[in-house]
Amino acid sequence: MSDFSEKLYQIIFGADTKWGKLFDVFLIFMILLSIIAVILESVESIACKYGEILFITEWVITITFTIEYIVRILIVRHPFKFVFSFFGIIDFLSCLPTYLALFVSGTQGLMVIRALRLLRVFRVLKLNRYLSESSYLISALKASKYKISIFLYAVLMIVIVIGAVMYLVEGSAGGFTSIPRSMYWVIVTITTVGYGDITPQTTMGQFLASIIMILGYAIIAVPTGIVTSEINRIRKEKEEPLAVCCPECLKEGHSGDSRFCKYCGSELCIS
């Protein structure tokens, strides 16, 4: 890699230098400007009045991101690895719709894909290092999948039974024209959304609705408690010190997921 390429690499992929920080600030500005343009284009009155300005702005942003994307490919050590990486694909998709609109008609709907540019903020702000924390949530969801499955099955039974009862109690006069529509009302009520498009009119129906509303709070809390409990358990297992002594430096106090000594680097004898 030449000196010029090395400097470009430090500016584009690093943020420790003055120019690297300025480049990141510039990218954040362009990303936010692009998202604002996408949002404003969806407003018909603004699109009619300032359509030409938004069009020019979009092309300036797209060309800027295209140049940046090409430069990244040229200076990175493993181009194909970058192209097929998560952020490489995001970079490609964020530029593609604007070019497709030139050659293929009816692709205007794909312009909303430009909103994916907002994901680039994760790379610019180096936030992807914090995404490792999501491993706790993923592990907790996997560990509690059977409990959650049973819970969802129980909720489904409640929705079917109460939906059938409300269909019999209220009938079509109250908007409960079928069991599926009554089940829709139960789901809306039990999740405390309450659109209000269907409302019970009879005393018995209102009584059942009151029970479902109270039950809804408990139902919302159950999966939250299950996942939180699993997250705490997983964190405790990983952070709980191992009762293992390093064979080299004879020190203890290693975390639960340690395989090497944090003091001398020697491999721990874990059965």
C-alpha atoms as a PDB file:
ATOM      1  CA  MET A   1       0.000   0.000   0.000  1.00  0.00           C
ATOM      2  CA  SER A   2       1.411   3.398  -1.059  1.00  0.00           C
ATOM      3  CA  ASP A   3       1.830   6.316   1.318  1.00  0.00           C
ATOM      4  CA  PHE A   4      -1.146   8.098  -0.253  1.00  0.00           C
ATOM      5  CA  SER A   5      -3.354   5.019   0.117  1.00  0.00           C
ATOM      6  CA  GLU A   6      -2.168   4.597   3.695  1.00  0.00           C
ATOM      7  CA  LYS A   7      -3.139   8.196   4.511  1.00  0.00           C
ATOM      8  CA  LEU A   8      -6.544   7.730   2.874  1.00  0.00           C
ATOM      9  CA  TYR A   9      -7.039   4.541   4.874  1.00  0.00           C
ATOM     10  CA  GLN A  10      -6.277   6.340   8.127  1.00  0.00           C
ATOM     11  CA  ILE A  11      -8.718   9.140   7.231  1.00  0.00           C
ATOM     12  CA  ILE A  12     -11.599   6.941   6.038  1.00  0.00           C
ATOM     13  CA  PHE A  13     -11.324   3.943   8.338  1.00  0.00           C
ATOM     14  CA  GLY A  14      -9.816   5.653  11.366  1.00  0.00           C
ATOM     15  CA  ALA A  15     -10.895   8.532  13.577  1.00  0.00           C
ATOM     16  CA  ASP A  16      -7.762   9.183  15.607  1.00  0.00           C
ATOM     17  CA  THR A  17      -6.405  11.914  13.339  1.00  0.00           C
ATOM     18  CA  LYS A  18      -7.665  15.443  12.760  1.00  0.00           C
ATOM     19  CA  TRP A  19      -8.638  14.695   9.153  1.00  0.00           C
ATOM     20  CA  GLY A  20     -10.246  11.410  10.179  1.00  0.00           C
ATOM     21  CA  LYS A  21     -12.489  13.199  12.673  1.00  0.00           C
ATOM     22  CA  LEU A  22     -13.381  15.870  10.109  1.00  0.00           C
ATOM     23  CA  PHE A  23     -14.213  13.160   7.581  1.00  0.00           C
ATOM     24  CA  ASP A  24     -16.521  11.437  10.089  1.00  0.00           C
ATOM     25  CA  VAL A  25     -18.271  14.741  10.862  1.00  0.00           C
ATOM     26  CA  PHE A  26     -18.731  15.324   7.130  1.00  0.00           C
ATOM     27  CA  LEU A  27     -20.206  11.844   6.677  1.00  0.00           C
ATOM     28  CA  ILE A  28     -22.620  12.317   9.575  1.00  0.00           C
ATOM     29  CA  PHE A  29     -23.746  15.626   8.043  1.00  0.00           C
ATOM     30  CA  MET A  30     -24.310  13.994   4.642  1.00  0.00           C
ATOM     31  CA  ILE A  31     -26.173  11.039   6.167  1.00  0.00           C
ATOM     32  CA  LEU A  32     -28.506  13.281   8.165  1.00  0.00           C
ATOM     33  CA  LEU A  33     -29.042  15.538   5.139  1.00  0.00           C
ATOM     34  CA  SER A  34     -29.925  12.484   3.072  1.00  0.00           C
ATOM     35  CA  ILE A  35     -32.438  11.222   5.644  1.00  0.00           C
ATOM     36  CA  ILE A  36     -34.054  14.679   5.862  1.00  0.00           C
ATOM     37  CA  ALA A  37     -34.328  14.756   2.051  1.00  0.00           C
ATOM     38  CA  VAL A  38     -35.985  11.320   2.008  1.00  0.00           C
ATOM     39  CA  ILE A  39     -38.493  12.428   4.647  1.00  0.00           C
ATOM     40  CA  LEU A  40     -39.291  15.710   2.901  1.00  0.00           C
ATOM     41  CA  GLU A  41     -39.808  13.968  -0.448  1.00  0.00           C
ATOM     42  CA  SER A  42     -42.668  11.993   1.076  1.00  0.00           C
ATOM     43  CA  VAL A  43     -44.545  15.244   1.832  1.00  0.00           C
ATOM     44  CA  GLU A  44     -46.462  16.038  -1.343  1.00  0.00           C
ATOM     45  CA  SER A  45     -46.651  19.806  -0.836  1.00  0.00           C
ATOM     46  CA  ILE A  46     -42.899  20.082  -0.186  1.00  0.00           C
ATOM     47  CA  ALA A  47     -42.033  17.705  -3.048  1.00  0.00           C
ATOM     48  CA  CYS A  48     -44.077  19.813  -5.502  1.00  0.00           C
ATOM     49  CA  LYS A  49     -42.566  23.107  -4.362  1.00  0.00           C
ATOM     50  CA  TYR A  50     -38.948  22.099  -3.749  1.00  0.00           C
ATOM     51  CA  GLY A  51     -38.731  18.969  -5.891  1.00  0.00           C
ATOM     52  CA  GLU A  52     -35.863  20.290  -8.028  1.00  0.00           C
ATOM     53  CA  ILE A  53     -33.775  21.262  -4.997  1.00  0.00           C
ATOM     54  CA  LEU A  54     -34.383  17.870  -3.392  1.00  0.00           C
ATOM     55  CA  PHE A  55     -33.477  16.159  -6.680  1.00  0.00           C
ATOM     56  CA  ILE A  56     -30.161  18.011  -6.931  1.00  0.00           C
ATOM     57  CA  THR A  57     -29.439  17.400  -3.246  1.00  0.00           C
ATOM     58  CA  GLU A  58     -30.062  13.683  -3.668  1.00  0.00           C
ATOM     59  CA  TRP A  59     -27.695  13.426  -6.611  1.00  0.00           C
ATOM     60  CA  VAL A  60     -24.953  15.341  -4.799  1.00  0.00           C
ATOM     61  CA  ILE A  61     -25.293  13.016  -1.813  1.00  0.00           C
ATOM     62  CA  THR A  62     -25.445   9.884  -3.982  1.00  0.00           C
ATOM     63  CA  ILE A  63     -22.344  10.848  -5.986  1.00  0.00           C
ATOM     64  CA  THR A  64     -20.492  11.659  -2.749  1.00  0.00           C
ATOM     65  CA  PHE A  65     -21.376   8.281  -1.229  1.00  0.00           C
ATOM     66  CA  THR A  66     -20.520   6.517  -4.490  1.00  0.00           C
ATOM     67  CA  ILE A  67     -17.053   8.064  -4.565  1.00  0.00           C
ATOM     68  CA  GLU A  68     -16.552   7.150  -0.925  1.00  0.00           C
ATOM     69  CA  TYR A  69     -17.711   3.565  -1.593  1.00  0.00           C
ATOM     70  CA  ILE A  70     -15.313   3.153  -4.532  1.00  0.00           C
ATOM     71  CA  VAL A  71     -12.404   4.646  -2.580  1.00  0.00           C
ATOM     72  CA  ARG A  72     -13.071   2.253   0.312  1.00  0.00           C
ATOM     73  CA  ILE A  73     -12.900  -0.693  -2.101  1.00  0.00           C
ATOM     74  CA  LEU A  74      -9.672   0.564  -3.652  1.00  0.00           C
ATOM     75  CA  ILE A  75      -7.742   1.181  -0.434  1.00  0.00           C
ATOM     76  CA  VAL A  76      -8.964  -1.690   1.730  1.00  0.00           C
ATOM     77  CA  ARG A  77      -6.675  -4.726   1.975  1.00  0.00           C
ATOM     78  CA  HIS A  78      -9.441  -7.239   1.230  1.00  0.00           C
ATOM     79  CA  PRO A  79     -11.870  -5.629  -1.262  1.00  0.00           C
ATOM     80  CA  PHE A  80     -14.202  -8.615  -1.688  1.00  0.00           C
ATOM     81  CA  LYS A  81     -14.454  -9.064   2.061  1.00  0.00           C
ATOM     82  CA  PHE A  82     -15.500  -5.423   2.399  1.00  0.00           C
ATOM     83  CA  VAL A  83     -17.975  -5.557  -0.515  1.00  0.00           C
ATOM     84  CA  PHE A  84     -19.856  -8.499   1.007  1.00  0.00           C
ATOM     85  CA  SER A  85     -19.629  -7.251   4.582  1.00  0.00           C
ATOM     86  CA  PHE A  86     -22.688  -5.829   6.348  1.00  0.00           C
ATOM     87  CA  PHE A  87     -21.687  -2.190   5.956  1.00  0.00           C
ATOM     88  CA  GLY A  88     -20.388  -2.819   2.420  1.00  0.00           C
ATOM     89  CA  ILE A  89     -23.835  -4.054   1.386  1.00  0.00           C
ATOM     90  CA  ILE A  90     -25.493  -1.114   3.168  1.00  0.00           C
ATOM     91  CA  ASP A  91     -23.221   1.311   1.270  1.00  0.00           C
ATOM     92  CA  PHE A  92     -24.115  -0.348  -2.031  1.00  0.00           C
ATOM     93  CA  LEU A  93     -27.867  -0.438  -1.410  1.00  0.00           C
ATOM     94  CA  SER A  94     -27.963   3.187  -0.255  1.00  0.00           C
ATOM     95  CA  CYS A  95     -26.595   4.327  -3.636  1.00  0.00           C
ATOM     96  CA  LEU A  96     -28.353   1.845  -5.936  1.00  0.00           C
ATOM     97  CA  PRO A  97     -31.943   3.246  -6.035  1.00  0.00           C
ATOM     98  CA  THR A  98     -30.908   6.634  -7.396  1.00  0.00           C
ATOM     99  CA  TYR A  99     -29.093   5.025 -10.357  1.00  0.00           C
ATOM    100  CA  LEU A 100     -31.873   2.513 -10.994  1.00  0.00           C
ATOM    101  CA  ALA A 101     -34.392   5.341 -11.287  1.00  0.00           C
ATOM    102  CA  LEU A 102     -32.470   6.609 -14.342  1.00  0.00           C
ATOM    103  CA  PHE A 103     -32.719   3.405 -16.377  1.00  0.00           C
ATOM    104  CA  VAL A 104     -35.713   1.514 -15.009  1.00  0.00           C
ATOM    105  CA  SER A 105     -39.162   3.029 -14.715  1.00  0.00           C
ATOM    106  CA  GLY A 106     -41.327   2.316 -11.684  1.00  0.00           C
ATOM    107  CA  THR A 107     -38.411   2.093  -9.261  1.00  0.00           C
ATOM    108  CA  GLN A 108     -39.327   5.247  -7.369  1.00  0.00           C
ATOM    109  CA  GLY A 109     -40.638   3.076  -4.556  1.00  0.00           C
ATOM    110  CA  LEU A 110     -37.113   1.792  -4.004  1.00  0.00           C
ATOM    111  CA  MET A 111     -35.983   5.290  -3.092  1.00  0.00           C
ATOM    112  CA  VAL A 112     -36.979   4.641   0.521  1.00  0.00           C
ATOM    113  CA  ILE A 113     -34.039   2.231   0.676  1.00  0.00           C
ATOM    114  CA  ARG A 114     -31.906   5.352   0.953  1.00  0.00           C
ATOM    115  CA  ALA A 115     -33.064   5.494   4.565  1.00  0.00           C
ATOM    116  CA  LEU A 116     -30.600   2.622   5.127  1.00  0.00           C
ATOM    117  CA  ARG A 117     -27.907   5.289   5.088  1.00  0.00           C
ATOM    118  CA  LEU A 118     -28.869   5.990   8.676  1.00  0.00           C
ATOM    119  CA  LEU A 119     -27.272   2.638   9.594  1.00  0.00           C
ATOM    120  CA  ARG A 120     -23.939   4.029   8.480  1.00  0.00           C
ATOM    121  CA  VAL A 121     -23.910   6.172  11.597  1.00  0.00           C
ATOM    122  CA  PHE A 122     -23.026   2.986  13.505  1.00  0.00           C
ATOM    123  CA  ARG A 123     -19.791   2.732  11.541  1.00  0.00           C
ATOM    124  CA  VAL A 124     -19.012   6.435  11.581  1.00  0.00           C
ATOM    125  CA  LEU A 125     -19.452   6.704  15.344  1.00  0.00           C
ATOM    126  CA  LYS A 126     -17.788   3.305  15.849  1.00  0.00           C
ATOM    127  CA  LEU A 127     -20.931   2.125  17.633  1.00  0.00           C
ATOM    128  CA  ASN A 128     -20.631  -1.436  16.310  1.00  0.00           C
ATOM    129  CA  ARG A 129     -18.259  -2.247  19.176  1.00  0.00           C
ATOM    130  CA  TYR A 130     -21.197  -1.870  21.544  1.00  0.00           C
ATOM    131  CA  LEU A 131     -23.370  -4.249  19.532  1.00  0.00           C
ATOM    132  CA  SER A 132     -21.596  -7.140  21.232  1.00  0.00           C
ATOM    133  CA  GLU A 133     -23.892  -6.433  24.182  1.00  0.00           C
ATOM    134  CA  SER A 134     -26.726  -7.746  22.022  1.00  0.00           C
ATOM    135  CA  SER A 135     -25.245 -11.227  22.476  1.00  0.00           C
ATOM    136  CA  TYR A 136     -26.747 -11.240  25.988  1.00  0.00           C
ATOM    137  CA  LEU A 137     -30.209 -10.563  24.590  1.00  0.00           C
ATOM    138  CA  ILE A 138     -29.850 -13.174  21.834  1.00  0.00           C
ATOM    139  CA  SER A 139     -28.631 -15.795  24.305  1.00  0.00           C
ATOM    140  CA  ALA A 140     -31.466 -14.931  26.699  1.00  0.00           C
ATOM    141  CA  LEU A 141     -34.071 -15.274  23.928  1.00  0.00           C
ATOM    142  CA  LYS A 142     -32.660 -18.649  22.909  1.00  0.00           C
ATOM    143  CA  ALA A 143     -32.574 -19.876  26.508  1.00  0.00           C
ATOM    144  CA  SER A 144     -36.169 -18.796  27.164  1.00  0.00           C
ATOM    145  CA  LYS A 145     -37.678 -19.880  23.832  1.00  0.00           C
ATOM    146  CA  TYR A 146     -39.620 -22.783  25.371  1.00  0.00           C
ATOM    147  CA  LYS A 147     -41.039 -20.641  28.175  1.00  0.00           C
ATOM    148  CA  ILE A 148     -42.025 -17.930  25.718  1.00  0.00           C
ATOM    149  CA  SER A 149     -43.547 -20.518  23.345  1.00  0.00           C
ATOM    150  CA  ILE A 150     -45.744 -21.891  26.129  1.00  0.00           C
ATOM    151  CA  PHE A 151     -46.704 -18.350  27.120  1.00  0.00           C
ATOM    152  CA  LEU A 152     -47.668 -17.445  23.537  1.00  0.00           C
ATOM    153  CA  TYR A 153     -49.684 -20.647  23.242  1.00  0.00           C
ATOM    154  CA  ALA A 154     -51.596 -19.709  26.405  1.00  0.00           C
ATOM    155  CA  VAL A 155     -52.233 -16.195  25.051  1.00  0.00           C
ATOM    156  CA  LEU A 156     -53.473 -17.677  21.766  1.00  0.00           C
ATOM    157  CA  MET A 157     -55.930 -19.889  23.657  1.00  0.00           C
ATOM    158  CA  ILE A 158     -57.203 -16.868  25.594  1.00  0.00           C
ATOM    159  CA  VAL A 159     -57.643 -14.897  22.361  1.00  0.00           C
ATOM    160  CA  ILE A 160     -59.599 -17.707  20.685  1.00  0.00           C
ATOM    161  CA  VAL A 161     -61.829 -18.465  23.670  1.00  0.00           C
ATOM    162  CA  ILE A 162     -62.583 -14.827  24.572  1.00  0.00           C
ATOM    163  CA  GLY A 163     -63.050 -13.973  20.909  1.00  0.00           C
ATOM    164  CA  ALA A 164     -65.644 -16.715  20.513  1.00  0.00           C
ATOM    165  CA  VAL A 165     -67.415 -15.640  23.714  1.00  0.00           C
ATOM    166  CA  MET A 166     -67.519 -11.967  22.645  1.00  0.00           C
ATOM    167  CA  TYR A 167     -68.916 -13.006  19.266  1.00  0.00           C
ATOM    168  CA  LEU A 168     -71.768 -14.812  21.017  1.00  0.00           C
ATOM    169  CA  VAL A 169     -72.355 -12.082  23.617  1.00  0.00           C
ATOM    170  CA  GLU A 170     -72.132  -8.977  21.417  1.00  0.00           C
ATOM    171  CA  GLY A 171     -73.044 -10.150  17.926  1.00  0.00           C
ATOM    172  CA  SER A 172     -72.858  -8.061  14.776  1.00  0.00           C
ATOM    173  CA  ALA A 173     -74.643  -5.086  16.353  1.00  0.00           C
ATOM    174  CA  GLY A 174     -71.540  -4.178  18.345  1.00  0.00           C
ATOM    175  CA  GLY A 175     -69.164  -4.757  15.440  1.00  0.00           C
ATOM    176  CA  PHE A 176     -68.283  -8.348  16.368  1.00  0.00           C
ATOM    177  CA  THR A 177     -69.365  -9.687  12.986  1.00  0.00           C
ATOM    178  CA  SER A 178     -67.235 -12.848  13.098  1.00  0.00           C
ATOM    179  CA  ILE A 179     -64.953 -14.800  15.415  1.00  0.00           C
ATOM    180  CA  PRO A 180     -61.781 -13.630  13.601  1.00  0.00           C
ATOM    181  CA  ARG A 181     -62.897 -10.016  13.983  1.00  0.00           C
ATOM    182  CA  SER A 182     -63.668 -10.662  17.648  1.00  0.00           C
ATOM    183  CA  MET A 183     -60.190 -12.195  18.047  1.00  0.00           C
ATOM    184  CA  TYR A 184     -58.750  -9.027  16.493  1.00  0.00           C
ATOM    185  CA  TRP A 185     -60.585  -6.993  19.150  1.00  0.00           C
ATOM    186  CA  VAL A 186     -59.211  -9.233  21.914  1.00  0.00           C
ATOM    187  CA  ILE A 187     -55.635  -8.799  20.634  1.00  0.00           C
ATOM    188  CA  VAL A 188     -56.016  -5.022  20.406  1.00  0.00           C
ATOM    189  CA  THR A 189     -57.493  -4.878  23.917  1.00  0.00           C
ATOM    190  CA  ILE A 190     -55.163  -7.346  25.608  1.00  0.00           C
ATOM    191  CA  THR A 191     -52.101  -5.499  24.301  1.00  0.00           C
ATOM    192  CA  THR A 192     -53.560  -2.239  25.713  1.00  0.00           C
ATOM    193  CA  VAL A 193     -53.543  -0.629  22.241  1.00  0.00           C
ATOM    194  CA  GLY A 194     -57.275   0.046  22.116  1.00  0.00           C
ATOM    195  CA  TYR A 195     -58.048   1.485  18.674  1.00  0.00           C
ATOM    196  CA  GLY A 196     -61.697   1.939  19.577  1.00  0.00           C
ATOM    197  CA  ASP A 197     -63.004   0.786  16.183  1.00  0.00           C
ATOM    198  CA  ILE A 198     -64.941  -2.020  17.908  1.00  0.00           C
ATOM    199  CA  THR A 199     -66.473  -1.532  21.341  1.00  0.00           C
ATOM    200  CA  PRO A 200     -68.696  -3.833  23.420  1.00  0.00           C
ATOM    201  CA  GLN A 201     -72.218  -2.551  24.012  1.00  0.00           C
ATOM    202  CA  THR A 202     -73.701  -5.092  26.416  1.00  0.00           C
ATOM    203  CA  THR A 203     -73.060  -5.273  30.148  1.00  0.00           C
ATOM    204  CA  MET A 204     -71.550  -8.755  29.889  1.00  0.00           C
ATOM    205  CA  GLY A 205     -69.306  -7.666  27.024  1.00  0.00           C
ATOM    206  CA  GLN A 206     -68.049  -4.654  28.957  1.00  0.00           C
ATOM    207  CA  PHE A 207     -67.408  -6.890  31.981  1.00  0.00           C
ATOM    208  CA  LEU A 208     -65.304  -9.266  29.865  1.00  0.00           C
ATOM    209  CA  ALA A 209     -63.515  -6.287  28.330  1.00  0.00           C
ATOM    210  CA  SER A 210     -62.583  -5.024  31.812  1.00  0.00           C
ATOM    211  CA  ILE A 211     -61.120  -8.419  32.713  1.00  0.00           C
ATOM    212  CA  ILE A 212     -59.114  -8.515  29.472  1.00  0.00           C
ATOM    213  CA  MET A 213     -57.752  -4.996  30.074  1.00  0.00           C
ATOM    214  CA  ILE A 214     -56.516  -5.940  33.546  1.00  0.00           C
ATOM    215  CA  LEU A 215     -55.149  -9.226  32.212  1.00  0.00           C
ATOM    216  CA  GLY A 216     -53.297  -7.306  29.501  1.00  0.00           C
ATOM    217  CA  TYR A 217     -50.917  -5.690  31.993  1.00  0.00           C
ATOM    218  CA  ALA A 218     -49.947  -9.088  33.401  1.00  0.00           C
ATOM    219  CA  ILE A 219     -49.475 -10.552  29.924  1.00  0.00           C
ATOM    220  CA  ILE A 220     -47.129  -7.727  28.912  1.00  0.00           C
ATOM    221  CA  ALA A 221     -45.029  -8.200  32.051  1.00  0.00           C
ATOM    222  CA  VAL A 222     -44.559 -11.979  31.737  1.00  0.00           C
ATOM    223  CA  PRO A 223     -42.225 -12.170  28.673  1.00  0.00           C
ATOM    224  CA  THR A 224     -40.275  -9.160  29.936  1.00  0.00           C
ATOM    225  CA  GLY A 225     -39.666 -10.937  33.239  1.00  0.00           C
ATOM    226  CA  ILE A 226     -38.662 -14.192  31.519  1.00  0.00           C
ATOM    227  CA  VAL A 227     -36.084 -12.545  29.249  1.00  0.00           C
ATOM    228  CA  THR A 228     -34.736 -10.268  32.012  1.00  0.00           C
ATOM    229  CA  SER A 229     -34.264 -13.257  34.307  1.00  0.00           C
ATOM    230  CA  GLU A 230     -32.314 -15.115  31.627  1.00  0.00           C
ATOM    231  CA  ILE A 231     -30.138 -12.053  30.887  1.00  0.00           C
ATOM    232  CA  ASN A 232     -29.239 -11.723  34.575  1.00  0.00           C
ATOM    233  CA  ARG A 233     -28.467 -15.448  34.772  1.00  0.00           C
ATOM    234  CA  ILE A 234     -26.212 -15.330  31.704  1.00  0.00           C
ATOM    235  CA  ARG A 235     -24.406 -12.215  32.954  1.00  0.00           C
ATOM    236  CA  LYS A 236     -23.865 -13.833  36.344  1.00  0.00           C
ATOM    237  CA  GLU A 237     -22.455 -16.988  34.752  1.00  0.00           C
ATOM    238  CA  LYS A 238     -20.032 -15.002  32.609  1.00  0.00           C
ATOM    239  CA  GLU A 239     -18.986 -12.576  35.303  1.00  0.00           C
ATOM    240  CA  GLU A 240     -18.884 -14.998  38.239  1.00  0.00           C
ATOM    241  CA  PRO A 241     -15.240 -15.711  39.093  1.00  0.00           C
ATOM    242  CA  LEU A 242     -13.967 -19.170  38.267  1.00  0.00           C
ATOM    243  CA  ALA A 243     -12.699 -21.262  41.117  1.00  0.00           C
ATOM    244  CA  VAL A 244      -9.601 -21.994  39.077  1.00  0.00           C
ATOM    245  CA  CYS A 245      -6.029 -21.194  39.918  1.00  0.00           C
ATOM    246  CA  CYS A 246      -3.615 -20.298  37.124  1.00  0.00           C
ATOM    247  CA  PRO A 247      -0.964 -23.051  36.852  1.00  0.00           C
ATOM    248  CA  GLU A 248       1.750 -20.483  36.068  1.00  0.00           C
ATOM    249  CA  CYS A 249       1.212 -17.431  38.314  1.00  0.00           C
ATOM    250  CA  LEU A 250      -1.131 -19.193  40.800  1.00  0.00           C
ATOM    251  CA  LYS A 251      -3.595 -16.280  40.786  1.00  0.00           C
ATOM    252  CA  GLU A 252      -7.398 -16.584  40.921  1.00  0.00           C
ATOM    253  CA  GLY A 253     -10.390 -14.332  40.223  1.00  0.00           C
ATOM    254  CA  HIS A 254     -10.900 -15.066  36.532  1.00  0.00           C
ATOM    255  CA  SER A 255     -14.278 -14.336  34.935  1.00  0.00           C
ATOM    256  CA  GLY A 256     -16.676 -17.140  34.081  1.00  0.00           C
ATOM    257  CA  ASP A 257     -15.884 -17.214  30.354  1.00  0.00           C
ATOM    258  CA  SER A 258     -12.102 -16.970  30.762  1.00  0.00           C
ATOM    259  CA  ARG A 259      -9.907 -19.504  29.026  1.00  0.00           C
ATOM    260  CA  PHE A 260      -6.609 -17.770  29.638  1.00  0.00           C
ATOM    261  CA  CYS A 261      -5.159 -16.091  32.717  1.00  0.00           C
ATOM    262  CA  LYS A 262      -5.802 -12.352  32.756  1.00  0.00           C
ATOM    263  CA  TYR A 263      -2.536 -11.785  34.631  1.00  0.00           C
ATOM    264  CA  CYS A 264       0.076 -13.804  32.721  1.00  0.00           C
ATOM    265  CA  GLY A 265      -1.832 -15.082  29.663  1.00  0.00           C
ATOM    266  CA  SER A 266      -1.304 -18.775  30.389  1.00  0.00           C
ATOM    267  CA  GLU A 267      -4.021 -21.256  29.472  1.00  0.00           C
ATOM    268  CA  LEU A 268      -6.282 -22.163  32.376  1.00  0.00           C
ATOM    269  CA  CYS A 269      -6.920 -25.776  33.263  1.00  0.00           C
ATOM    270  CA  ILE A 270     -10.720 -25.911  32.959  1.00  0.00           C
ATOM    271  CA  SER A 271     -12.415 -29.278  32.866  1.00  0.00           C
END
